Amino acid sequence: MAANIGYSPSVIACPSCPKCGTRMVLIRIFPDRTGHDQRTYECPRCEHEVTEIFQLERIEARLF
């Protein structure tokens, strides 16, 4: 069973490499200021790195 971290999985989608277009891989994630993460992606093809700051979206917990 997957852990519910309280955030939407769409905020973890990896971008395409701006140099070669290959889907990048998330290699580091650090907390930034409140409600934000700093995420670093690396291209497995050309090793280009991109670091971005994301504002996190809280989702309501659903009880089944």
PDB file of N, CA and C in Angstrom:
ATOM      1  N   MET A   1       0.841  -1.172   0.000  1.00  0.00           N
ATOM      2  CA  MET A   1       0.000   0.000   0.000  1.00  0.00           C
ATOM      3  C   MET A   1       0.891   1.242   0.000  1.00  0.00           C
ATOM      4  N   ALA A   2       0.582   2.202  -0.843  1.00  0.00           N
ATOM      5  CA  ALA A   2       1.353   3.438  -0.926  1.00  0.00           C
ATOM      6  C   ALA A   2       1.030   4.335   0.255  1.00  0.00           C
ATOM      7  N   ALA A   3       2.028   5.081   0.698  1.00  0.00           N
ATOM      8  CA  ALA A   3       1.833   6.023   1.797  1.00  0.00           C
ATOM      9  C   ALA A   3       1.132   7.270   1.293  1.00  0.00           C
ATOM     10  N   ASN A   4       0.222   7.803   2.076  1.00  0.00           N
ATOM     11  CA  ASN A   4      -0.462   9.044   1.736  1.00  0.00           C
ATOM     12  C   ASN A   4       0.347  10.190   2.326  1.00  0.00           C
ATOM     13  N   ILE A   5       1.020  10.962   1.472  1.00  0.00           N
ATOM     14  CA  ILE A   5       1.848  12.064   1.942  1.00  0.00           C
ATOM     15  C   ILE A   5       1.084  13.379   1.985  1.00  0.00           C
ATOM     16  N   GLY A   6      -0.170  13.376   1.548  1.00  0.00           N
ATOM     17  CA  GLY A   6      -0.987  14.569   1.606  1.00  0.00           C
ATOM     18  C   GLY A   6      -0.804  15.519   0.443  1.00  0.00           C
ATOM     19  N   TYR A   7      -0.065  15.123  -0.579  1.00  0.00           N
ATOM     20  CA  TYR A   7       0.155  15.954  -1.752  1.00  0.00           C
ATOM     21  C   TYR A   7      -0.221  15.182  -3.006  1.00  0.00           C
ATOM     22  N   SER A   8      -0.651  15.903  -4.015  1.00  0.00           N
ATOM     23  CA  SER A   8      -1.054  15.287  -5.265  1.00  0.00           C
ATOM     24  C   SER A   8       0.150  14.695  -5.993  1.00  0.00           C
ATOM     25  N   PRO A   9       0.063  13.479  -6.567  1.00  0.00           N
ATOM     26  CA  PRO A   9       1.187  12.902  -7.313  1.00  0.00           C
ATOM     27  C   PRO A   9       1.590  13.730  -8.529  1.00  0.00           C
ATOM     28  N   SER A  10       0.704  14.569  -9.038  1.00  0.00           N
ATOM     29  CA  SER A  10       1.041  15.364 -10.222  1.00  0.00           C
ATOM     30  C   SER A  10       2.155  16.363  -9.952  1.00  0.00           C
ATOM     31  N   VAL A  11       2.394  16.728  -8.693  1.00  0.00           N
ATOM     32  CA  VAL A  11       3.461  17.669  -8.394  1.00  0.00           C
ATOM     33  C   VAL A  11       4.825  17.002  -8.463  1.00  0.00           C
ATOM     34  N   ILE A  12       4.867  15.685  -8.655  1.00  0.00           N
ATOM     35  CA  ILE A  12       6.135  14.966  -8.733  1.00  0.00           C
ATOM     36  C   ILE A  12       6.434  14.543 -10.179  1.00  0.00           C
ATOM     37  N   ALA A  13       5.649  14.972 -11.130  1.00  0.00           N
ATOM     38  CA  ALA A  13       5.892  14.645 -12.536  1.00  0.00           C
ATOM     39  C   ALA A  13       7.226  15.245 -12.982  1.00  0.00           C
ATOM     40  N   CYS A  14       8.027  14.467 -13.683  1.00  0.00           N
ATOM     41  CA  CYS A  14       9.346  14.921 -14.125  1.00  0.00           C
ATOM     42  C   CYS A  14       9.259  15.629 -15.481  1.00  0.00           C
ATOM     43  N   PRO A  15      10.009  16.722 -15.637  1.00  0.00           N
ATOM     44  CA  PRO A  15       9.996  17.452 -16.914  1.00  0.00           C
ATOM     45  C   PRO A  15      10.850  16.772 -17.976  1.00  0.00           C
ATOM     46  N   SER A  16      10.737  17.260 -19.187  1.00  0.00           N
ATOM     47  CA  SER A  16      11.618  16.828 -20.273  1.00  0.00           C
ATOM     48  C   SER A  16      12.872  17.688 -20.259  1.00  0.00           C
ATOM     49  N   CYS A  17      13.990  17.110 -20.676  1.00  0.00           N
ATOM     50  CA  CYS A  17      15.265  17.829 -20.721  1.00  0.00           C
ATOM     51  C   CYS A  17      15.183  18.959 -21.747  1.00  0.00           C
ATOM     52  N   PRO A  18      15.573  20.184 -21.357  1.00  0.00           N
ATOM     53  CA  PRO A  18      15.541  21.290 -22.316  1.00  0.00           C
ATOM     54  C   PRO A  18      16.597  21.157 -23.421  1.00  0.00           C
ATOM     55  N   LYS A  19      17.609  20.319 -23.219  1.00  0.00           N
ATOM     56  CA  LYS A  19      18.662  20.141 -24.228  1.00  0.00           C
ATOM     57  C   LYS A  19      18.336  19.063 -25.255  1.00  0.00           C
ATOM     58  N   CYS A  20      17.864  17.880 -24.783  1.00  0.00           N
ATOM     59  CA  CYS A  20      17.673  16.764 -25.714  1.00  0.00           C
ATOM     60  C   CYS A  20      16.242  16.220 -25.753  1.00  0.00           C
ATOM     61  N   GLY A  21      15.372  16.659 -24.842  1.00  0.00           N
ATOM     62  CA  GLY A  21      13.978  16.235 -24.866  1.00  0.00           C
ATOM     63  C   GLY A  21      13.659  14.941 -24.134  1.00  0.00           C
ATOM     64  N   THR A  22      14.676  14.288 -23.558  1.00  0.00           N
ATOM     65  CA  THR A  22      14.474  13.041 -22.822  1.00  0.00           C
ATOM     66  C   THR A  22      13.801  13.335 -21.479  1.00  0.00           C
ATOM     67  N   ARG A  23      12.943  12.428 -21.014  1.00  0.00           N
ATOM     68  CA  ARG A  23      12.300  12.595 -19.707  1.00  0.00           C
ATOM     69  C   ARG A  23      13.377  12.567 -18.626  1.00  0.00           C
ATOM     70  N   MET A  24      13.384  13.582 -17.761  1.00  0.00           N
ATOM     71  CA  MET A  24      14.389  13.681 -16.706  1.00  0.00           C
ATOM     72  C   MET A  24      13.986  12.831 -15.505  1.00  0.00           C
ATOM     73  N   VAL A  25      14.950  12.595 -14.600  1.00  0.00           N
ATOM     74  CA  VAL A  25      14.753  11.783 -13.412  1.00  0.00           C
ATOM     75  C   VAL A  25      14.961  12.667 -12.185  1.00  0.00           C
ATOM     76  N   LEU A  26      14.058  12.575 -11.214  1.00  0.00           N
ATOM     77  CA  LEU A  26      14.197  13.313  -9.966  1.00  0.00           C
ATOM     78  C   LEU A  26      15.338  12.694  -9.163  1.00  0.00           C
ATOM     79  N   ILE A  27      16.379  13.490  -8.861  1.00  0.00           N
ATOM     80  CA  ILE A  27      17.519  12.940  -8.131  1.00  0.00           C
ATOM     81  C   ILE A  27      17.644  13.497  -6.715  1.00  0.00           C
ATOM     82  N   ARG A  28      17.081  14.698  -6.449  1.00  0.00           N
ATOM     83  CA  ARG A  28      17.128  15.284  -5.115  1.00  0.00           C
ATOM     84  C   ARG A  28      15.869  16.090  -4.858  1.00  0.00           C
ATOM     85  N   ILE A  29      15.420  16.048  -3.615  1.00  0.00           N
ATOM     86  CA  ILE A  29      14.298  16.897  -3.206  1.00  0.00           C
ATOM     87  C   ILE A  29      14.582  17.379  -1.790  1.00  0.00           C
ATOM     88  N   PHE A  30      14.523  18.692  -1.612  1.00  0.00           N
ATOM     89  CA  PHE A  30      14.780  19.309  -0.318  1.00  0.00           C
ATOM     90  C   PHE A  30      13.648  20.263   0.015  1.00  0.00           C
ATOM     91  N   PRO A  31      13.333  20.400   1.305  1.00  0.00           N
ATOM     92  CA  PRO A  31      12.354  21.417   1.673  1.00  0.00           C
ATOM     93  C   PRO A  31      12.959  22.798   1.442  1.00  0.00           C
ATOM     94  N   ASP A  32      12.159  23.724   0.994  1.00  0.00           N
ATOM     95  CA  ASP A  32      12.585  25.108   0.800  1.00  0.00           C
ATOM     96  C   ASP A  32      11.800  25.929   1.818  1.00  0.00           C
ATOM     97  N   ARG A  33      11.413  27.121   1.471  1.00  0.00           N
ATOM     98  CA  ARG A  33      10.590  27.899   2.405  1.00  0.00           C
ATOM     99  C   ARG A  33       9.248  27.185   2.611  1.00  0.00           C
ATOM    100  N   THR A  34       8.494  27.598   3.583  1.00  0.00           N
ATOM    101  CA  THR A  34       7.233  26.941   3.938  1.00  0.00           C
ATOM    102  C   THR A  34       6.333  26.742   2.720  1.00  0.00           C
ATOM    103  N   GLY A  35       5.907  25.493   2.523  1.00  0.00           N
ATOM    104  CA  GLY A  35       5.005  25.164   1.425  1.00  0.00           C
ATOM    105  C   GLY A  35       5.679  25.006   0.078  1.00  0.00           C
ATOM    106  N   HIS A  36       7.012  24.918   0.056  1.00  0.00           N
ATOM    107  CA  HIS A  36       7.758  24.797  -1.202  1.00  0.00           C
ATOM    108  C   HIS A  36       8.831  23.719  -1.080  1.00  0.00           C
ATOM    109  N   ASP A  37       9.133  23.068  -2.189  1.00  0.00           N
ATOM    110  CA  ASP A  37      10.240  22.101  -2.292  1.00  0.00           C
ATOM    111  C   ASP A  37      11.211  22.566  -3.361  1.00  0.00           C
ATOM    112  N   GLN A  38      12.484  22.235  -3.166  1.00  0.00           N
ATOM    113  CA  GLN A  38      13.503  22.441  -4.192  1.00  0.00           C
ATOM    114  C   GLN A  38      13.787  21.070  -4.782  1.00  0.00           C
ATOM    115  N   ARG A  39      13.553  20.927  -6.093  1.00  0.00           N
ATOM    116  CA  ARG A  39      13.719  19.629  -6.758  1.00  0.00           C
ATOM    117  C   ARG A  39      14.766  19.721  -7.853  1.00  0.00           C
ATOM    118  N   THR A  40      15.664  18.746  -7.868  1.00  0.00           N
ATOM    119  CA  THR A  40      16.705  18.686  -8.885  1.00  0.00           C
ATOM    120  C   THR A  40      16.485  17.447  -9.736  1.00  0.00           C
ATOM    121  N   TYR A  41      16.451  17.664 -11.052  1.00  0.00           N
ATOM    122  CA  TYR A  41      16.256  16.596 -12.031  1.00  0.00           C
ATOM    123  C   TYR A  41      17.529  16.452 -12.850  1.00  0.00           C
ATOM    124  N   GLU A  42      17.803  15.221 -13.298  1.00  0.00           N
ATOM    125  CA  GLU A  42      18.961  14.958 -14.153  1.00  0.00           C
ATOM    126  C   GLU A  42      18.498  14.170 -15.367  1.00  0.00           C
ATOM    127  N   CYS A  43      19.044  14.512 -16.520  1.00  0.00           N
ATOM    128  CA  CYS A  43      18.741  13.797 -17.749  1.00  0.00           C
ATOM    129  C   CYS A  43      19.621  12.545 -17.814  1.00  0.00           C
ATOM    130  N   PRO A  44      19.016  11.365 -17.977  1.00  0.00           N
ATOM    131  CA  PRO A  44      19.815  10.142 -18.060  1.00  0.00           C
ATOM    132  C   PRO A  44      20.593  10.027 -19.369  1.00  0.00           C
ATOM    133  N   ARG A  45      20.239  10.839 -20.348  1.00  0.00           N
ATOM    134  CA  ARG A  45      20.906  10.780 -21.648  1.00  0.00           C
ATOM    135  C   ARG A  45      22.115  11.719 -21.731  1.00  0.00           C
ATOM    136  N   CYS A  46      21.917  13.006 -21.381  1.00  0.00           N
ATOM    137  CA  CYS A  46      23.005  13.987 -21.549  1.00  0.00           C
ATOM    138  C   CYS A  46      23.530  14.528 -20.217  1.00  0.00           C
ATOM    139  N   GLU A  47      22.973  14.055 -19.086  1.00  0.00           N
ATOM    140  CA  GLU A  47      23.387  14.426 -17.735  1.00  0.00           C
ATOM    141  C   GLU A  47      23.181  15.903 -17.389  1.00  0.00           C
ATOM    142  N   HIS A  48      22.346  16.609 -18.148  1.00  0.00           N
ATOM    143  CA  HIS A  48      22.003  17.994 -17.835  1.00  0.00           C
ATOM    144  C   HIS A  48      21.146  18.011 -16.569  1.00  0.00           C
ATOM    145  N   GLU A  49      21.389  18.984 -15.662  1.00  0.00           N
ATOM    146  CA  GLU A  49      20.612  19.095 -14.432  1.00  0.00           C
ATOM    147  C   GLU A  49      19.764  20.357 -14.447  1.00  0.00           C
ATOM    148  N   VAL A  50      18.576  20.251 -13.867  1.00  0.00           N
ATOM    149  CA  VAL A  50      17.657  21.383 -13.718  1.00  0.00           C
ATOM    150  C   VAL A  50      17.176  21.380 -12.277  1.00  0.00           C
ATOM    151  N   THR A  51      17.237  22.540 -11.612  1.00  0.00           N
ATOM    152  CA  THR A  51      16.705  22.683 -10.258  1.00  0.00           C
ATOM    153  C   THR A  51      15.557  23.674 -10.302  1.00  0.00           C
ATOM    154  N   GLU A  52      14.425  23.286  -9.698  1.00  0.00           N
ATOM    155  CA  GLU A  52      13.232  24.134  -9.691  1.00  0.00           C
ATOM    156  C   GLU A  52      12.662  24.209  -8.287  1.00  0.00           C
ATOM    157  N   ILE A  53      11.963  25.304  -7.994  1.00  0.00           N
ATOM    158  CA  ILE A  53      11.246  25.467  -6.742  1.00  0.00           C
ATOM    159  C   ILE A  53       9.759  25.252  -7.029  1.00  0.00           C
ATOM    160  N   PHE A  54       9.121  24.370  -6.262  1.00  0.00           N
ATOM    161  CA  PHE A  54       7.706  24.059  -6.449  1.00  0.00           C
ATOM    162  C   PHE A  54       6.909  24.492  -5.243  1.00  0.00           C
ATOM    163  N   GLN A  55       5.758  25.097  -5.498  1.00  0.00           N
ATOM    164  CA  GLN A  55       4.799  25.370  -4.435  1.00  0.00           C
ATOM    165  C   GLN A  55       3.923  24.136  -4.298  1.00  0.00           C
ATOM    166  N   LEU A  56       3.844  23.607  -3.100  1.00  0.00           N
ATOM    167  CA  LEU A  56       3.097  22.386  -2.855  1.00  0.00           C
ATOM    168  C   LEU A  56       1.608  22.677  -2.734  1.00  0.00           C
ATOM    169  N   GLU A  57       0.802  21.748  -3.224  1.00  0.00           N
ATOM    170  CA  GLU A  57      -0.651  21.852  -3.130  1.00  0.00           C
ATOM    171  C   GLU A  57      -1.144  20.820  -2.134  1.00  0.00           C
ATOM    172  N   ARG A  58      -1.817  21.270  -1.107  1.00  0.00           N
ATOM    173  CA  ARG A  58      -2.412  20.335  -0.139  1.00  0.00           C
ATOM    174  C   ARG A  58      -3.681  19.759  -0.735  1.00  0.00           C
ATOM    175  N   ILE A  59      -3.873  18.459  -0.549  1.00  0.00           N
ATOM    176  CA  ILE A  59      -5.142  17.841  -0.965  1.00  0.00           C
ATOM    177  C   ILE A  59      -5.836  17.332   0.294  1.00  0.00           C
ATOM    178  N   GLU A  60      -7.119  17.268   0.224  1.00  0.00           N
ATOM    179  CA  GLU A  60      -7.901  16.770   1.361  1.00  0.00           C
ATOM    180  C   GLU A  60      -7.749  15.261   1.471  1.00  0.00           C
ATOM    181  N   ALA A  61      -7.531  14.794   2.684  1.00  0.00           N
ATOM    182  CA  ALA A  61      -7.455  13.356   2.920  1.00  0.00           C
ATOM    183  C   ALA A  61      -8.850  12.767   2.749  1.00  0.00           C
ATOM    184  N   ARG A  62      -8.928  11.655   2.080  1.00  0.00           N
ATOM    185  CA  ARG A  62     -10.215  10.988   1.848  1.00  0.00           C
ATOM    186  C   ARG A  62     -10.260   9.697   2.636  1.00  0.00           C
ATOM    187  N   LEU A  63     -11.315   9.528   3.345  1.00  0.00           N
ATOM    188  CA  LEU A  63     -11.506   8.283   4.083  1.00  0.00           C
ATOM    189  C   LEU A  63     -12.431   7.389   3.270  1.00  0.00           C
ATOM    190  N   PHE A  64     -12.054   6.135   3.122  1.00  0.00           N
ATOM    191  CA  PHE A  64     -12.858   5.196   2.344  1.00  0.00           C
ATOM    192  C   PHE A  64     -13.664   4.308   3.245  1.00  0.00           C
TER     193      PHE A  64
END
